[in-house]
PDB file of N, CA and C in Angstrom:
ATOM      1  N   MET A   1     -55.062 157.256 198.617  1.00  0.00           N
ATOM      2  CA  MET A   1     -53.849 156.761 199.235  1.00  0.00           C
ATOM      3  C   MET A   1     -52.599 157.423 198.643  1.00  0.00           C
ATOM      4  N   LYS A   2     -52.656 157.755 197.350  1.00  0.00           N
ATOM      5  CA  LYS A   2     -51.492 158.367 196.715  1.00  0.00           C
ATOM      6  C   LYS A   2     -51.148 159.695 197.399  1.00  0.00           C
ATOM      7  N   ILE A   3     -52.158 160.516 197.669  1.00  0.00           N
ATOM      8  CA  ILE A   3     -51.932 161.810 198.314  1.00  0.00           C
ATOM      9  C   ILE A   3     -51.375 161.604 199.721  1.00  0.00           C
ATOM     10  N   ASN A   4     -51.909 160.633 200.441  1.00  0.00           N
ATOM     11  CA  ASN A   4     -51.410 160.340 201.788  1.00  0.00           C
ATOM     12  C   ASN A   4     -49.935 159.955 201.744  1.00  0.00           C
ATOM     13  N   LYS A   5     -49.572 159.106 200.794  1.00  0.00           N
ATOM     14  CA  LYS A   5     -48.180 158.664 200.665  1.00  0.00           C
ATOM     15  C   LYS A   5     -47.280 159.854 200.321  1.00  0.00           C
ATOM     16  N   LEU A   6     -47.742 160.715 199.427  1.00  0.00           N
ATOM     17  CA  LEU A   6     -46.961 161.894 199.058  1.00  0.00           C
ATOM     18  C   LEU A   6     -46.805 162.845 200.245  1.00  0.00           C
ATOM     19  N   ALA A   7     -47.830 162.964 201.065  1.00  0.00           N
ATOM     20  CA  ALA A   7     -47.754 163.821 202.254  1.00  0.00           C
ATOM     21  C   ALA A   7     -46.651 163.338 203.185  1.00  0.00           C
ATOM     22  N   VAL A   8     -46.534 162.034 203.329  1.00  0.00           N
ATOM     23  CA  VAL A   8     -45.499 161.452 204.202  1.00  0.00           C
ATOM     24  C   VAL A   8     -44.122 161.556 203.545  1.00  0.00           C
ATOM     25  N   GLU A   9     -44.036 161.274 202.259  1.00  0.00           N
ATOM     26  CA  GLU A   9     -42.745 161.287 201.553  1.00  0.00           C
ATOM     27  C   GLU A   9     -42.161 162.693 201.400  1.00  0.00           C
ATOM     28  N   THR A  10     -43.003 163.723 201.458  1.00  0.00           N
ATOM     29  CA  THR A  10     -42.525 165.106 201.374  1.00  0.00           C
ATOM     30  C   THR A  10     -42.300 165.706 202.763  1.00  0.00           C
ATOM     31  N   CYS A  11     -42.643 164.949 203.799  1.00  0.00           N
ATOM     32  CA  CYS A  11     -42.561 165.374 205.201  1.00  0.00           C
ATOM     33  C   CYS A  11     -43.584 166.453 205.543  1.00  0.00           C
ATOM     34  N   TYR A  12     -44.584 166.611 204.686  1.00  0.00           N
ATOM     35  CA  TYR A  12     -45.691 167.506 205.022  1.00  0.00           C
ATOM     36  C   TYR A  12     -46.464 166.923 206.201  1.00  0.00           C
ATOM     37  N   TRP A  13     -46.595 165.602 206.224  1.00  0.00           N
ATOM     38  CA  TRP A  13     -47.308 164.908 207.281  1.00  0.00           C
ATOM     39  C   TRP A  13     -46.395 163.816 207.840  1.00  0.00           C
ATOM     40  N   PRO A  14     -45.479 164.209 208.732  1.00  0.00           N
ATOM     41  CA  PRO A  14     -44.547 163.216 209.259  1.00  0.00           C
ATOM     42  C   PRO A  14     -45.237 162.217 210.177  1.00  0.00           C
ATOM     43  N   LEU A  15     -44.733 161.006 210.174  1.00  0.00           N
ATOM     44  CA  LEU A  15     -45.273 159.957 211.032  1.00  0.00           C
ATOM     45  C   LEU A  15     -44.400 159.861 212.281  1.00  0.00           C
ATOM     46  N   TYR A  16     -44.964 160.273 213.393  1.00  0.00           N
ATOM     47  CA  TYR A  16     -44.220 160.224 214.652  1.00  0.00           C
ATOM     48  C   TYR A  16     -45.192 160.046 215.811  1.00  0.00           C
ATOM     49  N   GLU A  17     -44.620 159.713 216.968  1.00  0.00           N
ATOM     50  CA  GLU A  17     -45.415 159.599 218.182  1.00  0.00           C
ATOM     51  C   GLU A  17     -44.582 160.135 219.337  1.00  0.00           C
ATOM     52  N   VAL A  18     -45.265 160.449 220.428  1.00  0.00           N
ATOM     53  CA  VAL A  18     -44.595 160.893 221.634  1.00  0.00           C
ATOM     54  C   VAL A  18     -44.959 159.904 222.728  1.00  0.00           C
ATOM     55  N   VAL A  19     -43.938 159.236 223.274  1.00  0.00           N
ATOM     56  CA  VAL A  19     -44.145 158.233 224.312  1.00  0.00           C
ATOM     57  C   VAL A  19     -43.343 158.658 225.542  1.00  0.00           C
ATOM     58  N   ASP A  20     -44.033 158.874 226.635  1.00  0.00           N
ATOM     59  CA  ASP A  20     -43.379 159.313 227.872  1.00  0.00           C
ATOM     60  C   ASP A  20     -42.493 160.524 227.636  1.00  0.00           C
ATOM     61  N   GLY A  21     -42.992 161.466 226.840  1.00  0.00           N
ATOM     62  CA  GLY A  21     -42.265 162.699 226.571  1.00  0.00           C
ATOM     63  C   GLY A  21     -41.140 162.577 225.550  1.00  0.00           C
ATOM     64  N   LYS A  22     -40.955 161.388 224.983  1.00  0.00           N
ATOM     65  CA  LYS A  22     -39.904 161.182 223.986  1.00  0.00           C
ATOM     66  C   LYS A  22     -40.515 161.121 222.589  1.00  0.00           C
ATOM     67  N   TYR A  23     -39.972 161.919 221.694  1.00  0.00           N
ATOM     68  CA  TYR A  23     -40.428 161.932 220.310  1.00  0.00           C
ATOM     69  C   TYR A  23     -39.781 160.779 219.556  1.00  0.00           C
ATOM     70  N   ILE A  24     -40.599 160.063 218.813  1.00  0.00           N
ATOM     71  CA  ILE A  24     -40.116 158.938 218.011  1.00  0.00           C
ATOM     72  C   ILE A  24     -40.671 159.112 216.597  1.00  0.00           C
ATOM     73  N   ILE A  25     -39.773 159.315 215.645  1.00  0.00           N
ATOM     74  CA  ILE A  25     -40.208 159.428 214.253  1.00  0.00           C
ATOM     75  C   ILE A  25     -40.284 158.009 213.706  1.00  0.00           C
ATOM     76  N   ASN A  26     -41.486 157.604 213.322  1.00  0.00           N
ATOM     77  CA  ASN A  26     -41.710 156.236 212.877  1.00  0.00           C
ATOM     78  C   ASN A  26     -41.276 155.974 211.443  1.00  0.00           C
ATOM     79  N   TYR A  27     -41.178 157.045 210.655  1.00  0.00           N
ATOM     80  CA  TYR A  27     -40.777 156.873 209.262  1.00  0.00           C
ATOM     81  C   TYR A  27     -40.007 158.105 208.810  1.00  0.00           C
ATOM     82  N   LYS A  28     -38.793 157.872 208.308  1.00  0.00           N
ATOM     83  CA  LYS A  28     -37.972 158.942 207.742  1.00  0.00           C
ATOM     84  C   LYS A  28     -37.722 158.595 206.277  1.00  0.00           C
ATOM     85  N   PRO A  29     -38.254 159.406 205.361  1.00  0.00           N
ATOM     86  CA  PRO A  29     -38.053 159.114 203.937  1.00  0.00           C
ATOM     87  C   PRO A  29     -36.570 159.076 203.584  1.00  0.00           C
ATOM     88  N   LYS A  30     -36.192 158.072 202.798  1.00  0.00           N
ATOM     89  CA  LYS A  30     -34.796 157.964 202.346  1.00  0.00           C
ATOM     90  C   LYS A  30     -34.468 159.108 201.399  1.00  0.00           C
ATOM     91  N   ASN A  31     -35.371 159.389 200.487  1.00  0.00           N
ATOM     92  CA  ASN A  31     -35.224 160.494 199.535  1.00  0.00           C
ATOM     93  C   ASN A  31     -36.451 161.380 199.658  1.00  0.00           C
ATOM     94  N   LYS A  32     -36.350 162.355 200.539  1.00  0.00           N
ATOM     95  CA  LYS A  32     -37.465 163.271 200.782  1.00  0.00           C
ATOM     96  C   LYS A  32     -37.844 163.976 199.472  1.00  0.00           C
ATOM     97  N   LEU A  33     -39.103 163.880 199.113  1.00  0.00           N
ATOM     98  CA  LEU A  33     -39.587 164.493 197.873  1.00  0.00           C
ATOM     99  C   LEU A  33     -39.857 165.974 198.081  1.00  0.00           C
ATOM    100  N   PRO A  34     -39.748 166.775 197.012  1.00  0.00           N
ATOM    101  CA  PRO A  34     -40.108 168.195 197.123  1.00  0.00           C
ATOM    102  C   PRO A  34     -41.623 168.339 197.303  1.00  0.00           C
ATOM    103  N   ILE A  35     -42.026 169.404 197.945  1.00  0.00           N
ATOM    104  CA  ILE A  35     -43.439 169.616 198.281  1.00  0.00           C
ATOM    105  C   ILE A  35     -44.323 169.681 197.032  1.00  0.00           C
ATOM    106  N   GLU A  36     -43.743 170.049 195.888  1.00  0.00           N
ATOM    107  CA  GLU A  36     -44.529 170.087 194.643  1.00  0.00           C
ATOM    108  C   GLU A  36     -45.197 168.746 194.350  1.00  0.00           C
ATOM    109  N   GLU A  37     -44.518 167.665 194.714  1.00  0.00           N
ATOM    110  CA  GLU A  37     -45.057 166.328 194.455  1.00  0.00           C
ATOM    111  C   GLU A  37     -46.379 166.110 195.188  1.00  0.00           C
ATOM    112  N   PHE A  38     -46.514 166.701 196.358  1.00  0.00           N
ATOM    113  CA  PHE A  38     -47.738 166.608 197.152  1.00  0.00           C
ATOM    114  C   PHE A  38     -48.796 167.594 196.649  1.00  0.00           C
ATOM    115  N   LEU A  39     -48.379 168.777 196.242  1.00  0.00           N
ATOM    116  CA  LEU A  39     -49.310 169.835 195.844  1.00  0.00           C
ATOM    117  C   LEU A  39     -49.902 169.635 194.450  1.00  0.00           C
ATOM    118  N   LYS A  40     -49.068 169.225 193.504  1.00  0.00           N
ATOM    119  CA  LYS A  40     -49.459 169.190 192.098  1.00  0.00           C
ATOM    120  C   LYS A  40     -50.713 168.355 191.806  1.00  0.00           C
ATOM    121  N   PRO A  41     -50.868 167.150 192.362  1.00  0.00           N
ATOM    122  CA  PRO A  41     -52.054 166.354 192.032  1.00  0.00           C
ATOM    123  C   PRO A  41     -53.363 166.906 192.611  1.00  0.00           C
ATOM    124  N   GLN A  42     -53.273 167.900 193.471  1.00  0.00           N
ATOM    125  CA  GLN A  42     -54.460 168.451 194.120  1.00  0.00           C
ATOM    126  C   GLN A  42     -54.875 169.757 193.448  1.00  0.00           C
ATOM    127  N   LYS A  43     -56.039 169.772 192.870  1.00  0.00           N
ATOM    128  CA  LYS A  43     -56.506 170.947 192.121  1.00  0.00           C
ATOM    129  C   LYS A  43     -56.597 172.199 192.973  1.00  0.00           C
ATOM    130  N   ARG A  44     -56.788 172.031 194.265  1.00  0.00           N
ATOM    131  CA  ARG A  44     -56.931 173.202 195.134  1.00  0.00           C
ATOM    132  C   ARG A  44     -55.649 174.030 195.205  1.00  0.00           C
ATOM    133  N   PHE A  45     -54.534 173.465 194.776  1.00  0.00           N
ATOM    134  CA  PHE A  45     -53.255 174.179 194.805  1.00  0.00           C
ATOM    135  C   PHE A  45     -52.793 174.627 193.422  1.00  0.00           C
ATOM    136  N   LYS A  46     -53.624 174.489 192.395  1.00  0.00           N
ATOM    137  CA  LYS A  46     -53.170 174.785 191.033  1.00  0.00           C
ATOM    138  C   LYS A  46     -52.750 176.243 190.854  1.00  0.00           C
ATOM    139  N   HIS A  47     -53.333 177.148 191.638  1.00  0.00           N
ATOM    140  CA  HIS A  47     -52.946 178.561 191.537  1.00  0.00           C
ATOM    141  C   HIS A  47     -51.469 178.770 191.888  1.00  0.00           C
ATOM    142  N   MET A  48     -50.909 177.874 192.688  1.00  0.00           N
ATOM    143  CA  MET A  48     -49.512 178.010 193.100  1.00  0.00           C
ATOM    144  C   MET A  48     -48.545 177.717 191.956  1.00  0.00           C
ATOM    145  N   PHE A  49     -49.036 177.047 190.922  1.00  0.00           N
ATOM    146  CA  PHE A  49     -48.187 176.662 189.794  1.00  0.00           C
ATOM    147  C   PHE A  49     -48.304 177.619 188.612  1.00  0.00           C
ATOM    148  N   GLN A  50     -49.060 178.697 188.789  1.00  0.00           N
ATOM    149  CA  GLN A  50     -49.181 179.698 187.731  1.00  0.00           C
ATOM    150  C   GLN A  50     -47.939 180.586 187.730  1.00  0.00           C
ATOM    151  N   PRO A  51     -47.544 181.057 186.556  1.00  0.00           N
ATOM    152  CA  PRO A  51     -46.366 181.931 186.464  1.00  0.00           C
ATOM    153  C   PRO A  51     -46.469 183.108 187.432  1.00  0.00           C
ATOM    154  N   GLY A  52     -45.379 183.369 188.103  1.00  0.00           N
ATOM    155  CA  GLY A  52     -45.354 184.476 189.061  1.00  0.00           C
ATOM    156  C   GLY A  52     -45.644 184.039 190.496  1.00  0.00           C
ATOM    157  N   ASN A  53     -46.124 182.817 190.662  1.00  0.00           N
ATOM    158  CA  ASN A  53     -46.457 182.336 192.001  1.00  0.00           C
ATOM    159  C   ASN A  53     -45.439 181.326 192.542  1.00  0.00           C
ATOM    160  N   GLU A  54     -44.292 181.269 191.929  1.00  0.00           N
ATOM    161  CA  GLU A  54     -43.257 180.327 192.364  1.00  0.00           C
ATOM    162  C   GLU A  54     -42.885 180.533 193.831  1.00  0.00           C
ATOM    163  N   TRP A  55     -42.960 181.779 194.267  1.00  0.00           N
ATOM    164  CA  TRP A  55     -42.618 182.113 195.655  1.00  0.00           C
ATOM    165  C   TRP A  55     -43.494 181.355 196.644  1.00  0.00           C
ATOM    166  N   MET A  56     -44.740 181.089 196.263  1.00  0.00           N
ATOM    167  CA  MET A  56     -45.652 180.369 197.155  1.00  0.00           C
ATOM    168  C   MET A  56     -45.124 178.967 197.458  1.00  0.00           C
ATOM    169  N   ILE A  57     -44.684 178.286 196.428  1.00  0.00           N
ATOM    170  CA  ILE A  57     -44.155 176.931 196.602  1.00  0.00           C
ATOM    171  C   ILE A  57     -42.846 176.990 197.387  1.00  0.00           C
ATOM    172  N   GLU A  58     -42.019 177.979 197.098  1.00  0.00           N
ATOM    173  CA  GLU A  58     -40.755 178.134 197.824  1.00  0.00           C
ATOM    174  C   GLU A  58     -41.000 178.351 199.316  1.00  0.00           C
ATOM    175  N   GLU A  59     -41.969 179.203 199.652  1.00  0.00           N
ATOM    176  CA  GLU A  59     -42.291 179.469 201.057  1.00  0.00           C
ATOM    177  C   GLU A  59     -42.879 178.232 201.724  1.00  0.00           C
ATOM    178  N   PHE A  60     -43.727 177.525 201.005  1.00  0.00           N
ATOM    179  CA  PHE A  60     -44.324 176.292 201.511  1.00  0.00           C
ATOM    180  C   PHE A  60     -43.219 175.285 201.826  1.00  0.00           C
ATOM    181  N   GLN A  61     -42.263 175.137 200.903  1.00  0.00           N
ATOM    182  CA  GLN A  61     -41.152 174.202 201.096  1.00  0.00           C
ATOM    183  C   GLN A  61     -40.319 174.600 202.308  1.00  0.00           C
ATOM    184  N   LYS A  62     -40.040 175.893 202.458  1.00  0.00           N
ATOM    185  CA  LYS A  62     -39.263 176.364 203.603  1.00  0.00           C
ATOM    186  C   LYS A  62     -39.957 176.006 204.917  1.00  0.00           C
ATOM    187  N   GLU A  63     -41.268 176.188 204.971  1.00  0.00           N
ATOM    188  CA  GLU A  63     -42.015 175.881 206.195  1.00  0.00           C
ATOM    189  C   GLU A  63     -42.006 174.388 206.495  1.00  0.00           C
ATOM    190  N   VAL A  64     -42.201 173.560 205.489  1.00  0.00           N
ATOM    191  CA  VAL A  64     -42.169 172.105 205.671  1.00  0.00           C
ATOM    192  C   VAL A  64     -40.779 171.678 206.144  1.00  0.00           C
ATOM    193  N   ASP A  65     -39.733 172.220 205.518  1.00  0.00           N
ATOM    194  CA  ASP A  65     -38.355 171.890 205.915  1.00  0.00           C
ATOM    195  C   ASP A  65     -38.090 172.315 207.351  1.00  0.00           C
ATOM    196  N   LYS A  66     -38.548 173.503 207.725  1.00  0.00           N
ATOM    197  CA  LYS A  66     -38.345 174.013 209.082  1.00  0.00           C
ATOM    198  C   LYS A  66     -39.009 173.098 210.103  1.00  0.00           C
ATOM    199  N   ARG A  67     -40.248 172.723 209.842  1.00  0.00           N
ATOM    200  CA  ARG A  67     -40.975 171.853 210.775  1.00  0.00           C
ATOM    201  C   ARG A  67     -40.343 170.469 210.857  1.00  0.00           C
ATOM    202  N   TRP A  68     -39.847 169.943 209.745  1.00  0.00           N
ATOM    203  CA  TRP A  68     -39.188 168.632 209.740  1.00  0.00           C
ATOM    204  C   TRP A  68     -37.912 168.687 210.579  1.00  0.00           C
ATOM    205  N   GLU A  69     -37.117 169.738 210.402  1.00  0.00           N
ATOM    206  CA  GLU A  69     -35.885 169.894 211.189  1.00  0.00           C
ATOM    207  C   GLU A  69     -36.198 170.015 212.674  1.00  0.00           C
ATOM    208  N   GLU A  70     -37.250 170.748 213.016  1.00  0.00           N
ATOM    209  CA  GLU A  70     -37.650 170.881 214.420  1.00  0.00           C
ATOM    210  C   GLU A  70     -38.028 169.523 215.003  1.00  0.00           C
ATOM    211  N   LEU A  71     -38.734 168.730 214.221  1.00  0.00           N
ATOM    212  CA  LEU A  71     -39.129 167.400 214.678  1.00  0.00           C
ATOM    213  C   LEU A  71     -37.904 166.499 214.860  1.00  0.00           C
ATOM    214  N   LEU A  72     -36.970 166.545 213.915  1.00  0.00           N
ATOM    215  CA  LEU A  72     -35.732 165.771 214.050  1.00  0.00           C
ATOM    216  C   LEU A  72     -34.977 166.182 215.314  1.00  0.00           C
ATOM    217  N   ASN A  73     -34.928 167.482 215.569  1.00  0.00           N
ATOM    218  CA  ASN A  73     -34.252 167.980 216.769  1.00  0.00           C
ATOM    219  C   ASN A  73     -34.960 167.520 218.036  1.00  0.00           C
ATOM    220  N   LEU A  74     -36.285 167.574 218.046  1.00  0.00           N
ATOM    221  CA  LEU A  74     -37.038 167.104 219.216  1.00  0.00           C
ATOM    222  C   LEU A  74     -36.771 165.632 219.489  1.00  0.00           C
ATOM    223  N   GLU A  75     -36.696 164.838 218.415  1.00  0.00           N
ATOM    224  CA  GLU A  75     -36.408 163.416 218.595  1.00  0.00           C
ATOM    225  C   GLU A  75     -35.023 163.241 219.218  1.00  0.00           C
ATOM    226  N   GLU A  76     -34.060 163.968 218.714  1.00  0.00           N
ATOM    227  CA  GLU A  76     -32.692 163.845 219.229  1.00  0.00           C
ATOM    228  C   GLU A  76     -32.612 164.298 220.688  1.00  0.00           C
ATOM    229  N   ILE A  77     -33.177 165.451 220.984  1.00  0.00           N
ATOM    230  CA  ILE A  77     -33.102 166.021 222.329  1.00  0.00           C
ATOM    231  C   ILE A  77     -33.808 165.144 223.362  1.00  0.00           C
ATOM    232  N   THR A  78     -34.986 164.651 223.024  1.00  0.00           N
ATOM    233  CA  THR A  78     -35.779 163.898 224.004  1.00  0.00           C
ATOM    234  C   THR A  78     -35.334 162.451 224.166  1.00  0.00           C
ATOM    235  N   ASN A  79     -34.419 161.996 223.321  1.00  0.00           N
ATOM    236  CA  ASN A  79     -33.950 160.621 223.418  1.00  0.00           C
ATOM    237  C   ASN A  79     -32.509 160.509 223.878  1.00  0.00           C
ATOM    238  N   ARG A  80     -31.950 161.593 224.372  1.00  0.00           N
ATOM    239  CA  ARG A  80     -30.591 161.557 224.916  1.00  0.00           C
ATOM    240  C   ARG A  80     -30.646 160.859 226.273  1.00  0.00           C
ATOM    241  N   ASP A  81     -29.658 160.070 226.535  1.00  0.00           N
ATOM    242  CA  ASP A  81     -29.571 159.363 227.809  1.00  0.00           C
ATOM    243  C   ASP A  81     -28.751 160.158 228.823  1.00  0.00           C
ATOM    244  N   GLY A  82     -29.445 160.868 229.699  1.00  0.00           N
ATOM    245  CA  GLY A  82     -28.854 161.540 230.839  1.00  0.00           C
ATOM    246  C   GLY A  82     -27.609 162.362 230.608  1.00  0.00           C
ATOM    247  N   GLU A  83     -27.580 163.118 229.525  1.00  0.00           N
ATOM    248  CA  GLU A  83     -26.392 163.972 229.279  1.00  0.00           C
ATOM    249  C   GLU A  83     -26.408 165.147 230.197  1.00  0.00           C
TER     250      GLU A  83
END
């Protein structure tokens, strides 16, 4: 459960639904955690924390941020009332 919670709090796994073509984000973290919080407890990602591999985490964070912003935009666009 801890990993699941971290996935949601870092926006790696956002909670949303699409109803009648409208995007609804069911949970928006108040203080979005950095992706390291999700990666660090998982041994499969330990190579990303070795010296010289900082770029991997930076790129991962950029992708998560990009996807989160796209989702926020989809929610805004699809919930406008007849503009």
